[in-house]
């Protein structure tokens, strides 16, 4: 089969005059060079251009990741400090300092459950931020319902104390 194809090509080639052979050879060279360019050079050139545009973005992302890593190290160090276990008295004192009256309050281990009938939303959020800083209480679950009075809500909160180093 291969031998037959070679013979057919040789027959085809011998039937062409010198001018046709030069034109066919030139066309073949152009086709081969075009294929080489399309297969090897174009992807390399376009990939290089793409990388030149992506490298500054990637460097920025690396810088952001490094900054976040530094923050994480600082936070881990601060969390590793021993935190006093949260008690019902501590929570009641911080709530009453803000004038928040609870319907029910329970503290078991590191979990604080609070039900508040009526509270100003901003006052509750300020208390949550304060207790997060002071006692490392984070919100695990929250159900907040808006009341007809402007800015007033009813809330049921489950908070957990984050205690590093334990």
N, C-alpha and C. Protein backbone atom coordinates (compact mmCIF):
# COMPACT_ATOMS: atom_id res chain seq x y z
N UNK A 1 0.84 -1.20 0.00
CA UNK A 1 0.00 0.00 0.00
C UNK A 1 0.87 1.25 0.00
N UNK A 2 1.86 1.28 0.92
CA UNK A 2 2.74 2.43 1.00
C UNK A 2 3.53 2.57 -0.31
N UNK A 3 3.98 1.47 -0.81
CA UNK A 3 4.76 1.48 -2.05
C UNK A 3 3.91 1.98 -3.21
N UNK A 4 2.65 1.61 -3.21
CA UNK A 4 1.73 2.03 -4.26
C UNK A 4 1.52 3.55 -4.23
N UNK A 5 1.40 4.12 -3.03
CA UNK A 5 1.21 5.56 -2.90
C UNK A 5 2.45 6.30 -3.40
N UNK A 6 3.62 5.78 -3.08
CA UNK A 6 4.86 6.42 -3.54
C UNK A 6 4.93 6.38 -5.06
N UNK A 7 4.54 5.26 -5.62
CA UNK A 7 4.56 5.14 -7.09
C UNK A 7 3.57 6.11 -7.73
N UNK A 8 2.40 6.23 -7.14
CA UNK A 8 1.40 7.16 -7.69
C UNK A 8 1.91 8.60 -7.60
N UNK A 9 2.56 8.94 -6.49
CA UNK A 9 3.09 10.29 -6.33
C UNK A 9 4.20 10.54 -7.35
N UNK A 10 5.10 9.57 -7.53
CA UNK A 10 6.18 9.72 -8.51
C UNK A 10 5.62 9.88 -9.92
N UNK A 11 4.58 9.13 -10.23
CA UNK A 11 3.95 9.26 -11.54
C UNK A 11 3.33 10.66 -11.71
N UNK A 12 2.63 11.09 -10.69
CA UNK A 12 2.02 12.43 -10.70
C UNK A 12 3.10 13.50 -10.86
N UNK A 13 4.20 13.34 -10.13
CA UNK A 13 5.28 14.33 -10.13
C UNK A 13 5.99 14.37 -11.49
N UNK A 14 6.18 13.21 -12.08
CA UNK A 14 6.90 13.16 -13.38
C UNK A 14 6.06 13.74 -14.50
N UNK A 15 4.74 13.75 -14.36
CA UNK A 15 3.88 14.31 -15.39
C UNK A 15 3.87 15.84 -15.36
N UNK A 16 4.39 16.48 -14.32
CA UNK A 16 4.40 17.93 -14.19
C UNK A 16 5.67 18.49 -14.83
N UNK A 17 5.53 19.68 -15.42
CA UNK A 17 6.72 20.32 -15.97
C UNK A 17 7.44 21.09 -14.86
N UNK A 18 8.58 21.67 -15.18
CA UNK A 18 9.44 22.31 -14.18
C UNK A 18 8.72 23.46 -13.46
N UNK A 19 7.96 24.25 -14.16
CA UNK A 19 7.24 25.39 -13.57
C UNK A 19 6.18 24.92 -12.56
N UNK A 20 5.43 23.87 -12.93
CA UNK A 20 4.41 23.32 -12.02
C UNK A 20 5.07 22.73 -10.77
N UNK A 21 6.19 22.07 -10.94
CA UNK A 21 6.90 21.49 -9.79
C UNK A 21 7.33 22.58 -8.82
N UNK A 22 7.85 23.69 -9.35
CA UNK A 22 8.28 24.80 -8.49
C UNK A 22 7.08 25.38 -7.74
N UNK A 23 5.94 25.55 -8.43
CA UNK A 23 4.75 26.10 -7.78
C UNK A 23 4.22 25.15 -6.71
N UNK A 24 4.19 23.83 -7.02
CA UNK A 24 3.71 22.86 -6.03
C UNK A 24 4.67 22.78 -4.84
N UNK A 25 5.97 22.84 -5.11
CA UNK A 25 6.97 22.82 -4.02
C UNK A 25 6.80 24.06 -3.14
N UNK A 26 6.64 25.22 -3.77
CA UNK A 26 6.44 26.46 -3.01
C UNK A 26 5.17 26.39 -2.17
N UNK A 27 4.09 25.88 -2.76
CA UNK A 27 2.83 25.74 -2.02
C UNK A 27 3.00 24.79 -0.84
N UNK A 28 3.73 23.68 -1.05
CA UNK A 28 3.96 22.72 0.03
C UNK A 28 4.78 23.35 1.15
N UNK A 29 5.80 24.13 0.79
CA UNK A 29 6.62 24.80 1.81
C UNK A 29 5.77 25.79 2.60
N UNK A 30 4.92 26.55 1.89
CA UNK A 30 4.05 27.51 2.58
C UNK A 30 3.09 26.78 3.52
N UNK A 31 2.52 25.69 3.08
CA UNK A 31 1.59 24.92 3.92
C UNK A 31 2.31 24.36 5.14
N UNK A 32 3.52 23.81 4.95
CA UNK A 32 4.28 23.25 6.08
C UNK A 32 4.65 24.37 7.06
N UNK A 33 5.12 25.49 6.57
CA UNK A 33 5.48 26.61 7.45
C UNK A 33 4.25 27.13 8.21
N UNK A 34 3.10 27.20 7.52
CA UNK A 34 1.86 27.63 8.18
C UNK A 34 1.48 26.66 9.29
N UNK A 35 1.57 25.37 9.02
CA UNK A 35 1.26 24.37 10.05
C UNK A 35 2.21 24.47 11.23
N UNK A 36 3.50 24.64 10.95
CA UNK A 36 4.48 24.78 12.03
C UNK A 36 4.14 26.01 12.88
N UNK A 37 3.82 27.12 12.21
CA UNK A 37 3.46 28.33 12.95
C UNK A 37 2.21 28.09 13.80
N UNK A 38 1.17 27.51 13.20
CA UNK A 38 -0.10 27.32 13.91
C UNK A 38 0.02 26.32 15.05
N UNK A 39 0.85 25.30 14.87
CA UNK A 39 0.96 24.26 15.89
C UNK A 39 1.94 24.64 17.00
N UNK A 40 3.07 25.25 16.64
CA UNK A 40 4.11 25.49 17.63
C UNK A 40 4.29 26.95 18.04
N UNK A 41 4.36 27.85 17.10
CA UNK A 41 4.70 29.22 17.43
C UNK A 41 3.53 30.04 17.96
N UNK A 42 2.37 29.96 17.33
CA UNK A 42 1.24 30.78 17.75
C UNK A 42 0.82 30.49 19.20
N UNK A 43 0.68 29.22 19.62
CA UNK A 43 0.33 28.98 21.02
C UNK A 43 1.38 29.52 21.99
N UNK A 44 2.65 29.43 21.62
CA UNK A 44 3.71 29.93 22.50
C UNK A 44 3.64 31.45 22.61
N UNK A 45 3.44 32.12 21.49
CA UNK A 45 3.38 33.59 21.49
C UNK A 45 2.14 34.08 22.25
N UNK A 46 0.99 33.49 21.97
CA UNK A 46 -0.23 33.93 22.65
C UNK A 46 -0.18 33.57 24.13
N UNK A 47 0.42 32.42 24.47
CA UNK A 47 0.57 32.05 25.88
C UNK A 47 1.48 33.01 26.61
N UNK A 48 2.54 33.45 25.94
CA UNK A 48 3.45 34.41 26.54
C UNK A 48 2.73 35.73 26.81
N UNK A 49 1.95 36.20 25.85
CA UNK A 49 1.20 37.45 26.03
C UNK A 49 0.19 37.32 27.18
N UNK A 50 -0.45 36.17 27.24
CA UNK A 50 -1.44 35.93 28.31
C UNK A 50 -0.75 35.94 29.67
N UNK A 51 0.43 35.31 29.76
CA UNK A 51 1.17 35.30 31.01
C UNK A 51 1.64 36.69 31.40
N UNK A 52 2.03 37.50 30.42
CA UNK A 52 2.48 38.85 30.73
C UNK A 52 1.35 39.68 31.33
N UNK A 53 0.12 39.41 30.95
CA UNK A 53 -1.00 40.14 31.55
C UNK A 53 -1.41 39.54 32.89
N UNK A 54 -1.20 38.23 33.06
CA UNK A 54 -1.63 37.56 34.29
C UNK A 54 -0.62 37.69 35.43
N UNK A 55 0.65 37.83 35.12
CA UNK A 55 1.68 37.85 36.15
C UNK A 55 1.48 38.99 37.15
N UNK A 56 1.19 40.22 36.73
CA UNK A 56 0.95 41.27 37.74
C UNK A 56 -0.24 40.96 38.65
N UNK A 57 -1.29 40.38 38.08
CA UNK A 57 -2.47 40.01 38.89
C UNK A 57 -2.09 38.92 39.89
N UNK A 58 -1.34 37.94 39.44
CA UNK A 58 -0.93 36.85 40.33
C UNK A 58 0.01 37.36 41.42
N UNK A 59 0.88 38.30 41.08
CA UNK A 59 1.76 38.87 42.10
C UNK A 59 0.94 39.62 43.15
N UNK A 60 -0.09 40.33 42.72
CA UNK A 60 -0.97 41.04 43.65
C UNK A 60 -1.67 40.04 44.57
N UNK A 61 -2.13 38.94 44.00
CA UNK A 61 -2.80 37.92 44.80
C UNK A 61 -1.84 37.30 45.82
N UNK A 62 -0.59 37.08 45.42
CA UNK A 62 0.41 36.55 46.34
C UNK A 62 0.65 37.52 47.49
N UNK A 63 0.70 38.81 47.17
CA UNK A 63 0.88 39.82 48.22
C UNK A 63 -0.30 39.83 49.18
N UNK A 64 -1.52 39.71 48.64
CA UNK A 64 -2.71 39.66 49.50
C UNK A 64 -2.71 38.42 50.38
N UNK A 65 -2.32 37.30 49.80
CA UNK A 65 -2.27 36.05 50.57
C UNK A 65 -1.22 36.17 51.68
N UNK A 66 -0.09 36.79 51.37
CA UNK A 66 0.96 36.98 52.39
C UNK A 66 0.45 37.86 53.52
N UNK A 67 -0.27 38.93 53.16
CA UNK A 67 -0.82 39.82 54.19
C UNK A 67 -1.84 39.08 55.05
N UNK A 68 -2.70 38.31 54.40
CA UNK A 68 -3.70 37.53 55.15
C UNK A 68 -3.03 36.49 56.03
N UNK A 69 -1.95 35.90 55.55
CA UNK A 69 -1.21 34.92 56.34
C UNK A 69 -0.64 35.57 57.59
N UNK A 70 -0.11 36.78 57.43
CA UNK A 70 0.40 37.51 58.59
C UNK A 70 -0.69 37.81 59.60
N UNK A 71 -1.86 38.21 59.10
CA UNK A 71 -2.99 38.46 59.99
C UNK A 71 -3.42 37.19 60.71
N UNK A 72 -3.41 36.08 59.98
CA UNK A 72 -3.81 34.80 60.57
C UNK A 72 -2.84 34.42 61.68
N UNK A 73 -1.56 34.66 61.48
CA UNK A 73 -0.56 34.33 62.50
C UNK A 73 -0.79 35.18 63.75
N UNK A 74 -1.08 36.48 63.54
CA UNK A 74 -1.35 37.36 64.68
C UNK A 74 -2.61 36.92 65.42
N UNK A 75 -3.67 36.56 64.65
CA UNK A 75 -4.90 36.11 65.29
C UNK A 75 -4.70 34.79 66.03
N UNK A 76 -3.95 33.90 65.44
CA UNK A 76 -3.69 32.61 66.10
C UNK A 76 -2.94 32.84 67.41
N UNK A 77 -2.01 33.78 67.40
CA UNK A 77 -1.26 34.07 68.62
C UNK A 77 -2.18 34.66 69.69
N UNK A 78 -3.10 35.54 69.27
CA UNK A 78 -4.01 36.13 70.25
C UNK A 78 -5.03 35.11 70.75
N UNK A 79 -5.43 34.18 69.89
CA UNK A 79 -6.38 33.15 70.32
C UNK A 79 -5.73 32.12 71.24
N UNK A 80 -4.41 32.00 71.13
CA UNK A 80 -3.75 30.99 71.95
C UNK A 80 -3.68 31.41 73.41
N UNK A 81 -3.95 32.69 73.69
CA UNK A 81 -3.98 33.14 75.07
C UNK A 81 -5.19 32.52 75.76
N UNK A 82 -5.03 32.21 77.02
CA UNK A 82 -6.11 31.59 77.78
C UNK A 82 -7.22 32.62 78.00
N UNK A 83 -8.45 32.20 77.76
CA UNK A 83 -9.63 33.05 77.94
C UNK A 83 -10.42 32.51 79.11
N UNK A 84 -10.88 33.45 79.93
CA UNK A 84 -11.71 33.06 81.06
C UNK A 84 -13.00 32.43 80.56
N UNK A 85 -13.43 31.32 81.13
CA UNK A 85 -14.70 30.73 80.69
C UNK A 85 -15.86 31.70 80.94
N UNK A 86 -16.76 31.74 79.99
CA UNK A 86 -17.91 32.63 80.11
C UNK A 86 -18.87 32.09 81.17
N UNK A 87 -19.43 33.01 81.95
CA UNK A 87 -20.40 32.61 82.98
C UNK A 87 -21.68 33.42 82.80
N UNK A 88 -22.72 32.94 83.44
CA UNK A 88 -24.01 33.62 83.36
C UNK A 88 -23.90 35.03 83.94
N UNK A 89 -23.13 35.18 85.02
CA UNK A 89 -22.97 36.49 85.66
C UNK A 89 -22.29 37.49 84.71
N UNK A 90 -21.26 37.02 83.99
CA UNK A 90 -20.55 37.91 83.06
C UNK A 90 -21.49 38.37 81.96
N UNK A 91 -22.27 37.45 81.42
CA UNK A 91 -23.19 37.79 80.33
C UNK A 91 -24.28 38.71 80.83
N UNK A 92 -24.85 38.41 82.00
CA UNK A 92 -25.90 39.28 82.56
C UNK A 92 -25.36 40.68 82.81
N UNK A 93 -24.15 40.79 83.34
CA UNK A 93 -23.57 42.09 83.63
C UNK A 93 -23.38 42.91 82.35
N UNK A 94 -22.87 42.26 81.29
CA UNK A 94 -22.64 43.00 80.04
C UNK A 94 -23.97 43.39 79.38
N UNK A 95 -24.99 42.53 79.49
CA UNK A 95 -26.31 42.87 78.94
C UNK A 95 -26.95 44.02 79.71
N UNK A 96 -26.90 43.95 81.04
CA UNK A 96 -27.53 45.01 81.85
C UNK A 96 -26.77 46.33 81.69
N UNK A 97 -25.47 46.30 81.42
CA UNK A 97 -24.71 47.53 81.19
C UNK A 97 -25.22 48.24 79.93
N UNK A 98 -25.77 47.49 79.00
CA UNK A 98 -26.32 48.07 77.77
C UNK A 98 -27.84 48.27 77.88
N UNK A 99 -28.41 47.89 79.00
CA UNK A 99 -29.84 48.07 79.19
C UNK A 99 -30.68 47.05 78.44
N UNK A 100 -30.10 45.88 78.19
CA UNK A 100 -30.82 44.82 77.47
C UNK A 100 -31.37 43.85 78.50
N UNK A 101 -32.70 43.63 78.43
CA UNK A 101 -33.35 42.70 79.37
C UNK A 101 -33.66 41.41 78.62
N UNK A 102 -33.28 40.30 79.22
CA UNK A 102 -33.47 39.00 78.56
C UNK A 102 -34.73 38.34 79.09
N UNK A 103 -35.34 37.57 78.20
CA UNK A 103 -36.49 36.75 78.59
C UNK A 103 -35.95 35.48 79.23
N UNK A 104 -34.89 34.92 78.63
CA UNK A 104 -34.22 33.77 79.23
C UNK A 104 -32.75 33.81 78.86
N UNK A 105 -31.91 33.27 79.75
CA UNK A 105 -30.47 33.23 79.55
C UNK A 105 -29.94 31.97 80.19
N UNK A 106 -29.18 31.19 79.42
CA UNK A 106 -28.55 30.01 80.00
C UNK A 106 -27.15 29.88 79.43
N UNK A 107 -26.25 29.43 80.31
CA UNK A 107 -24.85 29.23 79.93
C UNK A 107 -24.46 27.82 80.34
N UNK A 108 -24.07 27.02 79.34
CA UNK A 108 -23.58 25.68 79.63
C UNK A 108 -22.30 25.47 78.82
N UNK A 109 -21.23 25.14 79.55
CA UNK A 109 -19.90 25.00 78.95
C UNK A 109 -19.55 26.29 78.21
N UNK A 110 -19.33 26.22 76.92
CA UNK A 110 -18.97 27.40 76.13
C UNK A 110 -20.15 27.92 75.31
N UNK A 111 -21.36 27.42 75.57
CA UNK A 111 -22.54 27.79 74.79
C UNK A 111 -23.43 28.72 75.63
N UNK A 112 -23.83 29.85 75.02
CA UNK A 112 -24.71 30.82 75.67
C UNK A 112 -25.98 30.90 74.84
N UNK A 113 -27.14 30.69 75.49
CA UNK A 113 -28.43 30.80 74.82
C UNK A 113 -29.17 31.98 75.42
N UNK A 114 -29.62 32.88 74.54
CA UNK A 114 -30.28 34.10 75.00
C UNK A 114 -31.56 34.31 74.21
N UNK A 115 -32.64 34.68 74.91
CA UNK A 115 -33.87 35.12 74.28
C UNK A 115 -34.15 36.53 74.76
N UNK A 116 -34.35 37.41 73.80
CA UNK A 116 -34.63 38.81 74.13
C UNK A 116 -35.96 39.17 73.47
N UNK A 117 -36.88 39.66 74.28
CA UNK A 117 -38.22 39.98 73.79
C UNK A 117 -38.19 41.23 72.90
N UNK A 118 -37.60 42.31 73.43
CA UNK A 118 -37.55 43.57 72.68
C UNK A 118 -36.21 44.23 72.94
N UNK A 119 -35.54 44.61 71.86
CA UNK A 119 -34.26 45.29 71.97
C UNK A 119 -34.03 46.11 70.70
N UNK A 120 -33.32 47.22 70.84
CA UNK A 120 -32.94 48.00 69.66
C UNK A 120 -31.88 47.20 68.90
N UNK A 121 -32.09 47.09 67.62
CA UNK A 121 -31.18 46.28 66.80
C UNK A 121 -29.74 46.78 66.93
N UNK A 122 -29.55 48.08 66.87
CA UNK A 122 -28.18 48.62 66.96
C UNK A 122 -27.57 48.33 68.32
N UNK A 123 -28.36 48.39 69.38
CA UNK A 123 -27.87 48.09 70.72
C UNK A 123 -27.45 46.62 70.82
N UNK A 124 -28.24 45.72 70.23
CA UNK A 124 -27.90 44.30 70.26
C UNK A 124 -26.61 44.05 69.47
N UNK A 125 -26.46 44.69 68.30
CA UNK A 125 -25.25 44.50 67.50
C UNK A 125 -24.01 45.03 68.22
N UNK A 126 -24.16 46.18 68.90
CA UNK A 126 -23.05 46.72 69.68
C UNK A 126 -22.66 45.75 70.80
N UNK A 127 -23.66 45.19 71.48
CA UNK A 127 -23.37 44.23 72.54
C UNK A 127 -22.66 42.99 71.97
N UNK A 128 -23.11 42.51 70.80
CA UNK A 128 -22.46 41.35 70.20
C UNK A 128 -20.99 41.63 69.88
N UNK A 129 -20.72 42.81 69.34
CA UNK A 129 -19.32 43.18 69.05
C UNK A 129 -18.50 43.27 70.32
N UNK A 130 -19.08 43.87 71.34
CA UNK A 130 -18.38 44.00 72.62
C UNK A 130 -18.09 42.62 73.23
N UNK A 131 -19.08 41.74 73.21
CA UNK A 131 -18.88 40.42 73.81
C UNK A 131 -17.95 39.57 72.96
N UNK A 132 -17.88 39.85 71.67
CA UNK A 132 -16.92 39.13 70.83
C UNK A 132 -15.50 39.51 71.23
N UNK A 133 -15.27 40.81 71.45
CA UNK A 133 -13.94 41.26 71.85
C UNK A 133 -13.60 40.83 73.28
N UNK A 134 -14.54 41.00 74.20
CA UNK A 134 -14.26 40.77 75.61
C UNK A 134 -14.22 39.28 75.97
N UNK A 135 -15.19 38.51 75.49
CA UNK A 135 -15.29 37.11 75.90
C UNK A 135 -15.10 36.12 74.76
N UNK A 136 -14.82 36.64 73.58
CA UNK A 136 -14.66 35.82 72.37
C UNK A 136 -15.91 34.98 72.09
N UNK A 137 -17.06 35.61 72.23
CA UNK A 137 -18.32 34.95 71.91
C UNK A 137 -18.62 35.20 70.43
N UNK A 138 -18.88 34.13 69.73
CA UNK A 138 -19.26 34.26 68.31
C UNK A 138 -20.67 33.69 68.13
N UNK A 139 -21.38 34.23 67.17
CA UNK A 139 -22.75 33.81 66.93
C UNK A 139 -22.75 32.49 66.18
N UNK A 140 -23.36 31.48 66.76
CA UNK A 140 -23.52 30.19 66.12
C UNK A 140 -24.86 30.13 65.38
N UNK A 141 -25.87 30.69 66.02
CA UNK A 141 -27.21 30.68 65.43
C UNK A 141 -27.94 31.93 65.92
N UNK A 142 -28.69 32.56 65.04
CA UNK A 142 -29.43 33.76 65.42
C UNK A 142 -30.77 33.77 64.71
N UNK A 143 -31.80 34.12 65.46
CA UNK A 143 -33.12 34.31 64.87
C UNK A 143 -33.56 35.69 65.33
N UNK A 144 -33.65 36.60 64.38
CA UNK A 144 -34.00 37.99 64.68
C UNK A 144 -35.27 38.32 63.92
N UNK A 145 -36.26 38.83 64.65
CA UNK A 145 -37.55 39.18 64.05
C UNK A 145 -37.80 40.67 64.28
N UNK A 146 -38.09 41.38 63.21
CA UNK A 146 -38.38 42.81 63.31
C UNK A 146 -39.73 43.01 63.99
N UNK A 147 -39.79 43.98 64.87
CA UNK A 147 -41.03 44.31 65.56
C UNK A 147 -41.64 45.56 64.93
N UNK A 148 -42.93 45.82 65.18
CA UNK A 148 -43.57 46.99 64.57
C UNK A 148 -42.90 48.32 64.94
N UNK A 149 -42.33 48.42 66.14
CA UNK A 149 -41.65 49.65 66.54
C UNK A 149 -40.38 49.81 65.70
N UNK A 150 -40.09 51.02 65.30
CA UNK A 150 -38.96 51.29 64.43
C UNK A 150 -37.63 50.93 65.10
N UNK A 151 -36.85 50.05 64.49
CA UNK A 151 -35.53 49.69 64.98
C UNK A 151 -35.54 48.63 66.08
N UNK A 152 -36.71 48.16 66.47
CA UNK A 152 -36.81 47.17 67.55
C UNK A 152 -36.92 45.77 66.96
N UNK A 153 -36.28 44.81 67.65
CA UNK A 153 -36.32 43.41 67.21
C UNK A 153 -36.52 42.50 68.40
N UNK A 154 -36.93 41.30 68.08
CA UNK A 154 -36.97 40.21 69.04
C UNK A 154 -35.90 39.23 68.59
N UNK A 155 -35.09 38.71 69.52
CA UNK A 155 -33.95 37.89 69.10
C UNK A 155 -33.80 36.66 69.96
N UNK A 156 -33.42 35.59 69.31
CA UNK A 156 -33.00 34.36 69.97
C UNK A 156 -31.60 34.07 69.45
N UNK A 157 -30.63 34.01 70.36
CA UNK A 157 -29.23 33.86 69.97
C UNK A 157 -28.61 32.64 70.64
N UNK A 158 -27.76 31.97 69.90
CA UNK A 158 -26.91 30.93 70.46
C UNK A 158 -25.49 31.36 70.14
N UNK A 159 -24.71 31.58 71.20
CA UNK A 159 -23.33 32.05 71.06
C UNK A 159 -22.38 30.98 71.57
N UNK A 160 -21.20 30.96 71.00
CA UNK A 160 -20.19 29.99 71.45
C UNK A 160 -18.90 30.74 71.74
N UNK A 161 -18.30 30.39 72.84
CA UNK A 161 -17.04 31.03 73.20
C UNK A 161 -15.89 30.32 72.49
N UNK A 162 -15.07 31.09 71.80
CA UNK A 162 -13.90 30.55 71.11
C UNK A 162 -12.76 30.59 72.12
N UNK A 163 -12.28 29.43 72.47
CA UNK A 163 -11.23 29.36 73.48
C UNK A 163 -10.01 28.71 72.88
N UNK A 164 -9.03 29.52 72.56
CA UNK A 164 -7.80 29.01 71.97
C UNK A 164 -6.93 28.34 73.02
N UNK A 165 -6.10 27.46 72.56
CA UNK A 165 -5.16 26.79 73.44
C UNK A 165 -5.75 25.64 74.22
N UNK A 166 -7.03 25.35 74.09
CA UNK A 166 -7.65 24.23 74.81
C UNK A 166 -8.03 23.14 73.88
